[in-house]
Amino acid sequence: MSDVEQDDTTKNTAAVNLAIEVIVIPVADVDRAVSFYKGLGWRLDADYEAGPEFRIVQVTPPGSPCSVHIGRGLTTAQPGSVRAYLVASDIEAARADLIGKGADVSPLFHHVYDTGSEVRVDGRAPDGRSYATYASFTDPDGNVWTLQEVTERAPGR
């Protein structure tokens, strides 16, 4: 089955819109994480504390319909265990902006699939296709954010 075909569970059913609204990022030090994400220009939407065991902070990347929750008592996941993606229409501009705001962003890279394995190669994808060029950075806890350049959306996206 191609990646654009529907599987049997979705055929002949009415479409129901579902949107990812929030993802939880596990952190060891909430204030350090808030400072990091605000420093990247992410909007602080909420900061609510209900005692020493619970605090929820919501931040949102510029232009994103999905927000991030960090805090205490939100998840049992270990700090540094999350891998998430940020999409940019101009990865070089996004990378430069993040570096200018203090993030340690990797050089651009792409993947080559050779004999069944994936190899990470430095530089922009040579064919320049959408979805194929990346960069990455980590937050202070080691959670990995991958930047992906999307210049033209795949059909239906």
N, C-alpha and C. Protein backbone atom coordinates (compact mmCIF):
# COMPACT_ATOMS: atom_id res chain seq x y z
N MET A 1 0.86 -1.18 0.00
CA MET A 1 0.00 0.00 0.00
C MET A 1 0.90 1.24 0.00
N SER A 2 0.59 2.19 -0.87
CA SER A 2 1.37 3.42 -0.90
C SER A 2 1.01 4.28 0.30
N ASP A 3 1.85 5.27 0.57
CA ASP A 3 1.61 6.11 1.74
C ASP A 3 0.41 7.03 1.57
N VAL A 4 -0.17 7.11 0.37
CA VAL A 4 -1.34 7.96 0.18
C VAL A 4 -2.64 7.16 0.09
N GLU A 5 -2.54 5.83 0.06
CA GLU A 5 -3.74 5.01 0.06
C GLU A 5 -4.30 4.91 1.47
N GLN A 6 -5.60 4.67 1.56
CA GLN A 6 -6.22 4.47 2.86
C GLN A 6 -6.21 2.99 3.21
N ASP A 7 -6.04 2.68 4.48
CA ASP A 7 -6.17 1.29 4.89
C ASP A 7 -7.64 0.96 5.10
N ASP A 8 -7.94 -0.30 5.33
CA ASP A 8 -9.33 -0.76 5.44
C ASP A 8 -10.10 -0.09 6.57
N THR A 9 -9.44 0.39 7.59
CA THR A 9 -10.15 0.98 8.73
C THR A 9 -10.70 2.36 8.42
N THR A 10 -10.21 3.01 7.35
CA THR A 10 -10.68 4.36 7.04
C THR A 10 -11.52 4.43 5.78
N LYS A 11 -11.63 3.36 5.03
CA LYS A 11 -12.45 3.36 3.82
C LYS A 11 -13.93 3.40 4.18
N ASN A 12 -14.67 4.12 3.37
CA ASN A 12 -16.13 4.18 3.50
C ASN A 12 -16.61 4.74 4.83
N THR A 13 -15.85 5.58 5.45
CA THR A 13 -16.30 6.23 6.68
C THR A 13 -16.30 7.73 6.46
N ALA A 14 -17.17 8.42 7.17
CA ALA A 14 -17.21 9.88 7.08
C ALA A 14 -15.93 10.44 7.67
N ALA A 15 -15.42 11.49 7.06
CA ALA A 15 -14.21 12.12 7.57
C ALA A 15 -14.51 12.86 8.87
N VAL A 16 -13.69 12.64 9.85
CA VAL A 16 -13.77 13.35 11.12
C VAL A 16 -12.45 14.07 11.28
N ASN A 17 -12.50 15.37 11.40
CA ASN A 17 -11.28 16.13 11.58
C ASN A 17 -10.72 15.93 12.98
N LEU A 18 -9.46 15.60 13.03
CA LEU A 18 -8.73 15.49 14.29
C LEU A 18 -7.46 16.31 14.14
N ALA A 19 -7.16 17.10 15.12
CA ALA A 19 -5.97 17.94 15.05
C ALA A 19 -5.14 17.74 16.31
N ILE A 20 -3.85 17.71 16.14
CA ILE A 20 -2.97 17.68 17.30
C ILE A 20 -2.92 19.09 17.86
N GLU A 21 -3.34 19.22 19.09
CA GLU A 21 -3.43 20.53 19.74
C GLU A 21 -2.21 20.79 20.62
N VAL A 22 -1.77 19.75 21.34
CA VAL A 22 -0.69 19.91 22.32
C VAL A 22 0.14 18.63 22.36
N ILE A 23 1.44 18.78 22.51
CA ILE A 23 2.29 17.65 22.83
C ILE A 23 2.99 17.95 24.15
N VAL A 24 3.29 16.92 24.91
CA VAL A 24 3.96 17.07 26.20
C VAL A 24 5.44 16.76 26.02
N ILE A 25 6.28 17.66 26.48
CA ILE A 25 7.73 17.49 26.41
C ILE A 25 8.24 17.35 27.85
N PRO A 26 8.82 16.19 28.20
CA PRO A 26 9.30 16.00 29.56
C PRO A 26 10.60 16.77 29.82
N VAL A 27 10.63 17.49 30.93
CA VAL A 27 11.80 18.29 31.29
C VAL A 27 12.14 18.07 32.76
N ALA A 28 13.38 18.28 33.11
CA ALA A 28 13.82 18.14 34.50
C ALA A 28 13.67 19.44 35.27
N ASP A 29 13.86 20.56 34.61
CA ASP A 29 13.81 21.87 35.25
C ASP A 29 12.85 22.75 34.45
N VAL A 30 11.66 22.96 34.97
CA VAL A 30 10.61 23.68 34.25
C VAL A 30 11.05 25.11 33.92
N ASP A 31 11.60 25.82 34.89
CA ASP A 31 11.99 27.22 34.65
C ASP A 31 13.07 27.32 33.58
N ARG A 32 14.03 26.41 33.60
CA ARG A 32 15.08 26.41 32.58
C ARG A 32 14.47 26.17 31.19
N ALA A 33 13.53 25.21 31.10
CA ALA A 33 12.87 24.91 29.83
C ALA A 33 12.04 26.10 29.34
N VAL A 34 11.30 26.73 30.24
CA VAL A 34 10.49 27.89 29.86
C VAL A 34 11.40 28.98 29.31
N SER A 35 12.50 29.22 29.98
CA SER A 35 13.45 30.25 29.53
C SER A 35 14.00 29.91 28.14
N PHE A 36 14.32 28.65 27.92
CA PHE A 36 14.85 28.22 26.64
C PHE A 36 13.84 28.46 25.52
N TYR A 37 12.63 27.97 25.70
CA TYR A 37 11.62 28.08 24.65
C TYR A 37 11.18 29.53 24.43
N LYS A 38 11.03 30.30 25.50
CA LYS A 38 10.71 31.72 25.32
C LYS A 38 11.85 32.42 24.58
N GLY A 39 13.08 32.02 24.88
CA GLY A 39 14.23 32.60 24.21
C GLY A 39 14.24 32.33 22.71
N LEU A 40 13.59 31.23 22.30
CA LEU A 40 13.48 30.92 20.87
C LEU A 40 12.35 31.71 20.21
N GLY A 41 11.63 32.49 21.02
CA GLY A 41 10.53 33.28 20.47
C GLY A 41 9.18 32.59 20.55
N TRP A 42 9.12 31.49 21.31
CA TRP A 42 7.85 30.79 21.46
C TRP A 42 6.98 31.57 22.44
N ARG A 43 5.70 31.65 22.14
CA ARG A 43 4.75 32.42 22.96
C ARG A 43 4.42 31.65 24.24
N LEU A 44 4.44 32.35 25.37
CA LEU A 44 4.01 31.77 26.64
C LEU A 44 2.50 31.95 26.73
N ASP A 45 1.76 30.83 26.69
CA ASP A 45 0.30 30.88 26.70
C ASP A 45 -0.29 30.72 28.09
N ALA A 46 0.36 29.91 28.91
CA ALA A 46 -0.19 29.64 30.24
C ALA A 46 0.92 29.15 31.15
N ASP A 47 0.77 29.44 32.42
CA ASP A 47 1.68 28.93 33.45
C ASP A 47 0.84 28.77 34.71
N TYR A 48 0.46 27.53 35.01
CA TYR A 48 -0.44 27.25 36.13
C TYR A 48 0.21 26.24 37.06
N GLU A 49 0.22 26.57 38.34
CA GLU A 49 0.80 25.68 39.36
C GLU A 49 -0.26 25.37 40.40
N ALA A 50 -0.37 24.08 40.74
CA ALA A 50 -1.32 23.63 41.76
C ALA A 50 -0.56 22.83 42.80
N GLY A 51 0.35 23.48 43.47
CA GLY A 51 1.13 22.82 44.50
C GLY A 51 2.47 22.31 43.98
N PRO A 52 3.25 21.71 44.87
CA PRO A 52 4.62 21.31 44.50
C PRO A 52 4.68 20.15 43.51
N GLU A 53 3.60 19.42 43.33
CA GLU A 53 3.62 18.25 42.45
C GLU A 53 3.07 18.49 41.06
N PHE A 54 2.46 19.68 40.82
CA PHE A 54 1.85 19.90 39.51
C PHE A 54 2.06 21.33 39.05
N ARG A 55 2.60 21.44 37.86
CA ARG A 55 2.73 22.72 37.16
C ARG A 55 2.63 22.45 35.67
N ILE A 56 1.84 23.26 35.00
CA ILE A 56 1.69 23.11 33.56
C ILE A 56 1.98 24.45 32.90
N VAL A 57 2.90 24.42 31.95
CA VAL A 57 3.26 25.61 31.18
C VAL A 57 3.02 25.28 29.71
N GLN A 58 2.33 26.18 29.03
CA GLN A 58 2.09 25.99 27.60
C GLN A 58 2.83 27.05 26.83
N VAL A 59 3.62 26.61 25.84
CA VAL A 59 4.31 27.50 24.92
C VAL A 59 3.96 27.07 23.50
N THR A 60 4.00 28.04 22.58
CA THR A 60 3.63 27.76 21.20
C THR A 60 4.67 28.35 20.26
N PRO A 61 5.21 27.54 19.34
CA PRO A 61 6.14 28.07 18.35
C PRO A 61 5.44 29.10 17.45
N PRO A 62 6.17 30.09 16.95
CA PRO A 62 5.56 31.09 16.07
C PRO A 62 4.87 30.43 14.87
N GLY A 63 3.62 30.79 14.64
CA GLY A 63 2.88 30.30 13.49
C GLY A 63 2.33 28.89 13.62
N SER A 64 2.50 28.26 14.76
CA SER A 64 2.07 26.87 14.92
C SER A 64 0.67 26.78 15.51
N PRO A 65 -0.16 25.88 14.97
CA PRO A 65 -1.46 25.62 15.61
C PRO A 65 -1.35 24.63 16.76
N CYS A 66 -0.18 24.01 16.92
CA CYS A 66 0.04 23.04 17.99
C CYS A 66 0.96 23.65 19.04
N SER A 67 0.60 23.46 20.30
CA SER A 67 1.39 23.98 21.40
C SER A 67 2.16 22.86 22.10
N VAL A 68 2.99 23.25 23.05
CA VAL A 68 3.81 22.33 23.82
C VAL A 68 3.51 22.54 25.29
N HIS A 69 3.32 21.45 26.02
CA HIS A 69 3.19 21.52 27.49
C HIS A 69 4.48 21.01 28.11
N ILE A 70 4.98 21.76 29.07
CA ILE A 70 6.09 21.34 29.91
C ILE A 70 5.66 21.58 31.35
N GLY A 71 6.25 20.89 32.26
CA GLY A 71 5.87 21.11 33.65
C GLY A 71 6.23 19.96 34.57
N ARG A 72 5.54 19.89 35.69
CA ARG A 72 5.70 18.82 36.68
C ARG A 72 4.38 18.06 36.77
N GLY A 73 4.48 16.76 36.93
CA GLY A 73 3.28 15.95 37.11
C GLY A 73 2.48 15.74 35.84
N LEU A 74 3.08 15.97 34.68
CA LEU A 74 2.37 15.84 33.42
C LEU A 74 2.57 14.50 32.74
N THR A 75 3.73 13.90 32.95
CA THR A 75 4.09 12.69 32.24
C THR A 75 5.11 11.88 33.04
N THR A 76 5.14 10.59 32.77
CA THR A 76 6.17 9.74 33.37
C THR A 76 7.35 9.56 32.41
N ALA A 77 7.26 10.15 31.23
CA ALA A 77 8.36 10.06 30.26
C ALA A 77 9.60 10.75 30.83
N GLN A 78 10.74 10.23 30.49
CA GLN A 78 12.00 10.78 30.97
C GLN A 78 12.39 12.04 30.19
N PRO A 79 12.93 13.05 30.89
CA PRO A 79 13.44 14.22 30.18
C PRO A 79 14.43 13.78 29.10
N GLY A 80 14.30 14.38 27.93
CA GLY A 80 15.19 14.05 26.83
C GLY A 80 14.71 12.90 25.97
N SER A 81 13.54 12.36 26.24
CA SER A 81 13.08 11.17 25.50
C SER A 81 12.20 11.48 24.30
N VAL A 82 11.90 12.75 24.06
CA VAL A 82 10.98 13.09 22.97
C VAL A 82 11.75 13.53 21.73
N ARG A 83 11.23 13.09 20.58
CA ARG A 83 11.69 13.56 19.27
C ARG A 83 10.48 14.18 18.58
N ALA A 84 10.61 15.42 18.16
CA ALA A 84 9.49 16.13 17.54
C ALA A 84 10.00 16.88 16.32
N TYR A 85 9.07 17.24 15.45
CA TYR A 85 9.41 17.95 14.22
C TYR A 85 8.81 19.34 14.21
N LEU A 86 9.56 20.27 13.65
CA LEU A 86 9.11 21.61 13.33
C LEU A 86 9.26 21.77 11.82
N VAL A 87 8.25 22.27 11.16
CA VAL A 87 8.29 22.43 9.71
C VAL A 87 8.53 23.89 9.38
N ALA A 88 9.39 24.11 8.40
CA ALA A 88 9.69 25.47 7.94
C ALA A 88 9.66 25.50 6.43
N SER A 89 9.15 26.59 5.87
CA SER A 89 9.14 26.73 4.41
C SER A 89 10.51 27.16 3.88
N ASP A 90 11.32 27.75 4.75
CA ASP A 90 12.69 28.15 4.40
C ASP A 90 13.59 27.69 5.54
N ILE A 91 14.18 26.54 5.40
CA ILE A 91 14.95 25.94 6.49
C ILE A 91 16.20 26.75 6.82
N GLU A 92 16.79 27.37 5.83
CA GLU A 92 17.99 28.16 6.10
C GLU A 92 17.65 29.38 6.95
N ALA A 93 16.53 30.04 6.65
CA ALA A 93 16.11 31.19 7.45
C ALA A 93 15.71 30.75 8.86
N ALA A 94 14.99 29.63 8.96
CA ALA A 94 14.59 29.12 10.28
C ALA A 94 15.82 28.75 11.10
N ARG A 95 16.78 28.09 10.47
CA ARG A 95 18.01 27.69 11.16
C ARG A 95 18.77 28.92 11.65
N ALA A 96 18.91 29.91 10.79
CA ALA A 96 19.62 31.14 11.17
C ALA A 96 18.91 31.85 12.32
N ASP A 97 17.57 31.89 12.28
CA ASP A 97 16.80 32.53 13.34
C ASP A 97 17.02 31.82 14.67
N LEU A 98 16.94 30.50 14.65
CA LEU A 98 17.13 29.73 15.89
C LEU A 98 18.55 29.89 16.44
N ILE A 99 19.54 29.86 15.56
CA ILE A 99 20.92 30.06 16.00
C ILE A 99 21.07 31.45 16.61
N GLY A 100 20.47 32.45 15.98
CA GLY A 100 20.53 33.82 16.50
C GLY A 100 19.89 33.96 17.87
N LYS A 101 18.99 33.04 18.19
CA LYS A 101 18.31 33.07 19.50
C LYS A 101 18.94 32.10 20.49
N GLY A 102 20.09 31.52 20.13
CA GLY A 102 20.84 30.71 21.08
C GLY A 102 20.76 29.21 20.94
N ALA A 103 19.98 28.69 19.99
CA ALA A 103 19.91 27.24 19.82
C ALA A 103 21.15 26.75 19.06
N ASP A 104 21.62 25.58 19.43
CA ASP A 104 22.76 24.95 18.76
C ASP A 104 22.20 24.03 17.68
N VAL A 105 21.99 24.59 16.50
CA VAL A 105 21.33 23.87 15.41
C VAL A 105 22.38 23.22 14.51
N SER A 106 22.13 21.97 14.16
CA SER A 106 23.05 21.24 13.30
C SER A 106 23.11 21.87 11.91
N PRO A 107 24.15 21.52 11.15
CA PRO A 107 24.13 21.88 9.73
C PRO A 107 22.99 21.15 9.03
N LEU A 108 22.63 21.61 7.84
CA LEU A 108 21.60 20.94 7.05
C LEU A 108 22.06 19.53 6.71
N PHE A 109 21.07 18.63 6.59
CA PHE A 109 21.37 17.26 6.18
C PHE A 109 20.17 16.67 5.45
N HIS A 110 20.41 15.56 4.79
CA HIS A 110 19.36 14.79 4.13
C HIS A 110 19.67 13.32 4.32
N HIS A 111 18.78 12.47 3.89
CA HIS A 111 18.98 11.03 4.04
C HIS A 111 19.10 10.37 2.68
N VAL A 112 19.96 9.38 2.62
CA VAL A 112 20.11 8.55 1.44
C VAL A 112 19.81 7.13 1.88
N TYR A 113 19.01 6.45 1.11
CA TYR A 113 18.65 5.07 1.42
C TYR A 113 19.42 4.16 0.49
N ASP A 114 20.35 3.41 1.08
CA ASP A 114 21.25 2.58 0.30
C ASP A 114 21.21 1.15 0.84
N THR A 115 20.91 0.23 -0.01
CA THR A 115 20.84 -1.19 0.34
C THR A 115 20.05 -1.44 1.62
N GLY A 116 18.90 -0.79 1.70
CA GLY A 116 18.00 -1.04 2.83
C GLY A 116 18.31 -0.29 4.10
N SER A 117 19.32 0.54 4.12
CA SER A 117 19.61 1.30 5.33
C SER A 117 19.60 2.79 5.03
N GLU A 118 19.37 3.56 6.07
CA GLU A 118 19.30 5.01 5.94
C GLU A 118 20.63 5.62 6.36
N VAL A 119 21.16 6.47 5.51
CA VAL A 119 22.43 7.13 5.79
C VAL A 119 22.19 8.63 5.81
N ARG A 120 22.65 9.28 6.88
CA ARG A 120 22.53 10.74 7.00
C ARG A 120 23.71 11.36 6.27
N VAL A 121 23.40 12.31 5.37
CA VAL A 121 24.42 12.95 4.55
C VAL A 121 24.34 14.46 4.77
N ASP A 122 25.49 15.09 4.96
CA ASP A 122 25.52 16.54 5.16
C ASP A 122 25.03 17.26 3.91
N GLY A 123 24.38 18.39 4.15
CA GLY A 123 23.95 19.26 3.07
C GLY A 123 22.50 19.08 2.70
N ARG A 124 22.03 20.01 1.90
CA ARG A 124 20.67 20.03 1.39
C ARG A 124 20.44 18.82 0.48
N ALA A 125 19.20 18.34 0.43
CA ALA A 125 18.86 17.25 -0.49
C ALA A 125 19.20 17.71 -1.91
N PRO A 126 19.95 16.92 -2.66
CA PRO A 126 20.44 17.39 -3.96
C PRO A 126 19.32 17.67 -4.97
N ASP A 127 18.20 16.99 -4.85
CA ASP A 127 17.12 17.23 -5.81
C ASP A 127 16.22 18.38 -5.37
N GLY A 128 16.44 18.92 -4.16
CA GLY A 128 15.70 20.07 -3.67
C GLY A 128 14.23 19.82 -3.37
N ARG A 129 13.84 18.54 -3.31
CA ARG A 129 12.42 18.25 -3.11
C ARG A 129 11.97 18.60 -1.70
N SER A 130 10.70 18.90 -1.60
CA SER A 130 10.06 19.19 -0.33
C SER A 130 10.13 17.96 0.57
N TYR A 131 10.21 18.17 1.87
CA TYR A 131 10.24 17.13 2.90
C TYR A 131 11.60 16.43 3.02
N ALA A 132 12.63 16.87 2.31
CA ALA A 132 13.85 16.07 2.24
C ALA A 132 15.08 16.71 2.89
N THR A 133 14.99 17.97 3.31
CA THR A 133 16.15 18.63 3.94
C THR A 133 15.83 18.92 5.39
N TYR A 134 16.80 18.66 6.26
CA TYR A 134 16.59 18.73 7.71
C TYR A 134 17.73 19.47 8.40
N ALA A 135 17.47 19.84 9.63
CA ALA A 135 18.48 20.29 10.61
C ALA A 135 17.89 19.89 11.96
N SER A 136 18.68 19.90 13.00
CA SER A 136 18.13 19.52 14.30
C SER A 136 18.82 20.28 15.43
N PHE A 137 18.13 20.32 16.55
CA PHE A 137 18.69 20.90 17.78
C PHE A 137 18.04 20.21 18.96
N THR A 138 18.62 20.39 20.13
CA THR A 138 18.06 19.82 21.35
C THR A 138 17.75 20.93 22.34
N ASP A 139 16.78 20.66 23.20
CA ASP A 139 16.52 21.58 24.30
C ASP A 139 17.50 21.25 25.43
N PRO A 140 17.49 21.98 26.53
CA PRO A 140 18.45 21.73 27.60
C PRO A 140 18.35 20.33 28.22
N ASP A 141 17.23 19.64 28.04
CA ASP A 141 17.07 18.29 28.58
C ASP A 141 17.42 17.20 27.59
N GLY A 142 17.72 17.57 26.35
CA GLY A 142 18.07 16.58 25.35
C GLY A 142 16.93 16.13 24.47
N ASN A 143 15.74 16.73 24.62
CA ASN A 143 14.66 16.44 23.69
C ASN A 143 15.09 16.96 22.31
N VAL A 144 14.88 16.16 21.28
CA VAL A 144 15.37 16.48 19.94
C VAL A 144 14.26 17.09 19.09
N TRP A 145 14.57 18.23 18.52
CA TRP A 145 13.68 18.90 17.58
C TRP A 145 14.32 18.82 16.21
N THR A 146 13.62 18.24 15.25
CA THR A 146 14.10 18.16 13.88
C THR A 146 13.35 19.19 13.05
N LEU A 147 14.10 20.05 12.39
CA LEU A 147 13.53 20.99 11.43
C LEU A 147 13.42 20.27 10.10
N GLN A 148 12.30 20.39 9.45
CA GLN A 148 12.11 19.78 8.14
C GLN A 148 11.60 20.86 7.19
N GLU A 149 12.23 20.96 6.04
CA GLU A 149 11.79 21.96 5.06
C GLU A 149 10.66 21.39 4.22
N VAL A 150 9.54 22.09 4.23
CA VAL A 150 8.39 21.73 3.40
C VAL A 150 8.03 22.95 2.57
N THR A 151 8.36 22.86 1.30
CA THR A 151 8.10 23.98 0.39
C THR A 151 6.83 23.75 -0.42
N GLU A 152 6.46 22.51 -0.59
CA GLU A 152 5.22 22.16 -1.31
C GLU A 152 4.62 20.96 -0.60
N ARG A 153 3.38 21.11 -0.15
CA ARG A 153 2.70 20.04 0.59
C ARG A 153 2.32 18.89 -0.34
N ALA A 154 2.43 17.69 0.19
CA ALA A 154 1.97 16.50 -0.53
C ALA A 154 0.44 16.59 -0.67
N PRO A 155 -0.12 15.96 -1.68
CA PRO A 155 -1.58 16.02 -1.87
C PRO A 155 -2.33 15.57 -0.59
N GLY A 156 -3.38 16.32 -0.28
CA GLY A 156 -4.20 15.98 0.88
C GLY A 156 -3.66 16.46 2.20
N ARG A 157 -2.55 17.18 2.21
CA ARG A 157 -1.92 17.62 3.47
C ARG A 157 -2.18 19.09 3.69
